[in-house]
Amino acid sequence: MWIIIFYFAKQSTFMKSNLSYFLLFVLLLIVELLIGIYLHDAFIRPYGGDFLVVILLYCFIKCFTNTSVMKTAIGVLIFAYAVEISQHFHLVKLLGLQHSHLALLILGNSFSFSDLLCYTLGILLVLIVERIRIGRKLSFN
């Protein structure tokens, strides 16, 4: 029993960090939902949503893992690129999910280079904030 308590007490920094990521994830999820439901403009919905979604995914992963900032950020960016590229090849249609609102929401249906740029800028913001937060150069460790 005491070993378990000592272990979790020792891990408290990690757990506080996870809580911060979780709270930021929830906040970003609410913002994304509000953008998706209420905003139908030509700037925030198409660009702001894509910018924020990679930050949301990064925070979600950091809630549950202790992977390095750089590995997590690159992984999220590759995942976002893969989803965007799948849109170019009409993956939703190939899977027969073109009538599924959820599939279209998650996977999207139209490729755009501007989305790739938004994902990249979102991850760059993550790296800048994490570098400031950690106070040292980021690495893959």
Protein backbone atom coordinates (compact mmCIF):
# COMPACT_ATOMS: atom_id res chain seq x y z
CA MET A 1 0.00 0.00 0.00
CA TRP A 2 2.72 2.50 1.01
CA ILE A 3 4.71 1.63 -2.08
CA ILE A 4 1.76 2.58 -4.29
CA ILE A 5 1.23 5.87 -2.42
CA PHE A 6 4.96 6.68 -2.65
CA TYR A 7 4.97 5.85 -6.35
CA PHE A 8 2.06 8.17 -7.13
CA ALA A 9 3.43 10.92 -4.89
CA LYS A 10 6.69 10.71 -6.80
CA GLN A 11 4.75 10.94 -10.04
CA SER A 12 2.77 14.01 -8.92
CA THR A 13 4.49 16.34 -11.38
CA PHE A 14 3.50 14.02 -14.21
CA MET A 15 -0.06 13.80 -12.92
CA LYS A 16 -0.36 17.59 -12.58
CA SER A 17 0.98 17.91 -16.10
CA ASN A 18 -1.59 15.40 -17.34
CA LEU A 19 -4.36 17.33 -15.61
CA SER A 20 -3.23 20.52 -17.35
CA TYR A 21 -3.25 18.79 -20.71
CA PHE A 22 -6.68 17.29 -19.95
CA LEU A 23 -8.17 20.66 -19.00
CA LEU A 24 -6.72 22.27 -22.11
CA PHE A 25 -8.07 19.37 -24.19
CA VAL A 26 -11.58 19.87 -22.77
CA LEU A 27 -11.41 23.64 -23.38
CA LEU A 28 -10.24 23.15 -26.97
CA LEU A 29 -12.90 20.51 -27.57
CA ILE A 30 -15.60 22.94 -26.42
CA VAL A 31 -14.15 25.67 -28.66
CA GLU A 32 -14.01 23.27 -31.63
CA LEU A 33 -17.62 22.21 -31.06
CA LEU A 34 -18.75 25.84 -30.80
CA ILE A 35 -16.89 26.68 -34.01
CA GLY A 36 -18.43 23.67 -35.78
CA ILE A 37 -21.96 24.40 -34.61
CA TYR A 38 -22.22 28.18 -34.62
CA LEU A 39 -19.58 29.65 -36.93
CA HIS A 40 -20.15 29.58 -40.66
CA ASP A 41 -17.67 32.24 -41.68
CA ALA A 42 -14.90 32.18 -44.26
CA PHE A 43 -11.93 32.37 -41.87
CA ILE A 44 -12.29 30.99 -38.33
CA ARG A 45 -14.21 27.83 -39.19
CA PRO A 46 -11.98 26.67 -42.06
CA TYR A 47 -8.61 27.86 -40.75
CA GLY A 48 -9.02 28.31 -36.99
CA GLY A 49 -10.60 24.89 -36.57
CA ASP A 50 -7.73 23.19 -38.41
CA PHE A 51 -5.17 25.20 -36.44
CA LEU A 52 -6.76 24.20 -33.13
CA VAL A 53 -7.47 20.54 -33.93
CA VAL A 54 -3.79 19.54 -33.90
CA ILE A 55 -3.33 21.29 -30.56
CA LEU A 56 -6.40 19.45 -29.28
CA LEU A 57 -4.98 16.10 -30.46
CA TYR A 58 -1.60 16.88 -28.93
CA CYS A 59 -3.19 17.65 -25.56
CA PHE A 60 -5.34 14.51 -25.76
CA ILE A 61 -2.29 12.29 -26.31
CA LYS A 62 -0.30 14.05 -23.56
CA CYS A 63 -3.19 13.34 -21.14
CA PHE A 64 -2.35 9.65 -21.28
CA THR A 65 1.31 9.40 -22.22
CA ASN A 66 4.64 10.70 -21.08
CA THR A 67 6.16 10.78 -24.56
CA SER A 68 8.52 13.56 -25.49
CA VAL A 69 7.11 16.82 -26.76
CA MET A 70 8.86 16.43 -30.10
CA LYS A 71 7.73 12.82 -30.71
CA THR A 72 4.15 13.66 -29.79
CA ALA A 73 4.07 16.81 -31.91
CA ILE A 74 5.57 15.09 -34.97
CA GLY A 75 3.21 12.13 -34.52
CA VAL A 76 0.17 14.40 -34.38
CA LEU A 77 1.35 16.33 -37.42
CA ILE A 78 1.92 13.13 -39.43
CA PHE A 79 -1.53 11.90 -38.40
CA ALA A 80 -3.15 15.20 -39.45
CA TYR A 81 -1.30 15.12 -42.78
CA ALA A 82 -2.40 11.51 -43.34
CA VAL A 83 -6.04 12.39 -42.73
CA GLU A 84 -5.77 15.35 -45.09
CA ILE A 85 -4.05 13.29 -47.78
CA SER A 86 -6.75 10.62 -47.41
CA GLN A 87 -9.23 13.32 -48.42
CA HIS A 88 -7.35 13.79 -51.69
CA PHE A 89 -7.93 10.11 -52.44
CA HIS A 90 -11.58 10.25 -51.28
CA LEU A 91 -11.08 7.64 -48.55
CA VAL A 92 -14.55 8.23 -47.12
CA LYS A 93 -16.10 7.30 -50.47
CA LEU A 94 -13.76 4.32 -50.93
CA LEU A 95 -14.83 3.02 -47.51
CA GLY A 96 -18.50 3.51 -48.46
CA LEU A 97 -19.00 6.07 -45.68
CA GLN A 98 -19.92 9.07 -47.84
CA HIS A 99 -23.40 9.19 -46.26
CA SER A 100 -22.10 9.08 -42.70
CA HIS A 101 -22.12 12.53 -41.13
CA LEU A 102 -19.69 11.36 -38.43
CA ALA A 103 -17.22 9.94 -40.97
CA LEU A 104 -17.34 13.14 -42.98
CA LEU A 105 -16.84 15.20 -39.82
CA ILE A 106 -13.85 13.16 -38.64
CA LEU A 107 -12.18 12.32 -41.95
CA GLY A 108 -13.35 15.28 -44.01
CA ASN A 109 -14.10 15.23 -47.69
CA SER A 110 -11.96 17.82 -49.45
CA PHE A 111 -8.20 18.13 -49.62
CA SER A 112 -6.61 21.55 -49.13
CA PHE A 113 -3.01 22.68 -48.93
CA SER A 114 -4.14 25.47 -46.60
CA ASP A 115 -5.24 22.80 -44.10
CA LEU A 116 -1.72 21.36 -44.12
CA LEU A 117 -0.39 24.85 -43.43
CA CYS A 118 -2.84 25.32 -40.54
CA TYR A 119 -1.81 21.98 -39.02
CA THR A 120 1.84 22.93 -39.31
CA LEU A 121 1.28 26.34 -37.70
CA GLY A 122 -0.71 24.73 -34.87
CA ILE A 123 2.12 22.30 -34.11
CA LEU A 124 4.66 25.12 -34.31
CA LEU A 125 2.67 26.97 -31.64
CA VAL A 126 2.69 23.80 -29.50
CA LEU A 127 6.48 23.56 -29.84
CA ILE A 128 6.97 27.23 -28.97
CA VAL A 129 4.71 27.02 -25.90
CA GLU A 130 6.29 23.77 -24.73
CA ARG A 131 9.79 25.20 -25.18
CA ILE A 132 8.83 28.22 -23.04
CA ARG A 133 7.09 25.97 -20.49
CA ILE A 134 9.98 23.51 -20.20
CA GLY A 135 12.64 26.19 -20.42
CA ARG A 136 15.12 24.18 -22.45
CA LYS A 137 15.69 22.93 -25.97
CA LEU A 138 13.21 20.25 -27.03
CA SER A 139 14.47 16.82 -28.04
CA PHE A 140 13.15 13.41 -29.05
CA ASN A 141 13.95 11.90 -25.64
